[in-house]
C-alpha atoms as a PDB file:
ATOM      1  CA  MET A   1       2.483  15.377  -1.818  1.00  0.00           C
ATOM      2  CA  GLN A   2       0.541  12.437  -0.498  1.00  0.00           C
ATOM      3  CA  THR A   3       2.109   9.978   1.858  1.00  0.00           C
ATOM      4  CA  LEU A   4       2.456   6.365   0.833  1.00  0.00           C
ATOM      5  CA  LYS A   5      -0.115   5.421   3.443  1.00  0.00           C
ATOM      6  CA  GLU A   6      -2.680   7.802   1.948  1.00  0.00           C
ATOM      7  CA  LEU A   7      -2.060   6.433  -1.525  1.00  0.00           C
ATOM      8  CA  ILE A   8      -2.482   2.862  -0.330  1.00  0.00           C
ATOM      9  CA  GLU A   9      -5.732   3.710   1.447  1.00  0.00           C
ATOM     10  CA  GLN A  10      -7.174   4.869  -1.869  1.00  0.00           C
ATOM     11  CA  LEU A  11      -6.566   1.479  -3.457  1.00  0.00           C
ATOM     12  CA  PRO A  12      -9.151  -1.290  -3.520  1.00  0.00           C
ATOM     13  CA  PRO A  13      -8.798  -3.768  -0.622  1.00  0.00           C
ATOM     14  CA  GLU A  14      -7.299  -6.571  -2.712  1.00  0.00           C
ATOM     15  CA  LEU A  15      -4.577  -4.231  -3.916  1.00  0.00           C
ATOM     16  CA  GLN A  16      -3.940  -2.921  -0.419  1.00  0.00           C
ATOM     17  CA  GLN A  17      -2.964  -6.403   0.693  1.00  0.00           C
ATOM     18  CA  GLU A  18      -0.574  -6.848  -2.221  1.00  0.00           C
ATOM     19  CA  VAL A  19       1.021  -3.469  -1.591  1.00  0.00           C
ATOM     20  CA  GLN A  20       1.372  -4.231   2.102  1.00  0.00           C
ATOM     21  CA  ASP A  21       3.112  -7.525   1.339  1.00  0.00           C
ATOM     22  CA  PHE A  22       5.378  -5.771  -1.155  1.00  0.00           C
ATOM     23  CA  VAL A  23       6.330  -3.010   1.273  1.00  0.00           C
ATOM     24  CA  GLU A  24       7.119  -5.521   4.006  1.00  0.00           C
ATOM     25  CA  PHE A  25       9.257  -7.432   1.519  1.00  0.00           C
ATOM     26  CA  LEU A  26      11.230  -4.262   0.757  1.00  0.00           C
ATOM     27  CA  LEU A  27      11.703  -3.478   4.433  1.00  0.00           C
END
């Protein structure tokens, strides 16, 4: 089972930023 961080690091940079914003929104 991969961690969320590992999954995000596999995404392209533009998606990483969107995911980061989304995660911060949820927290």
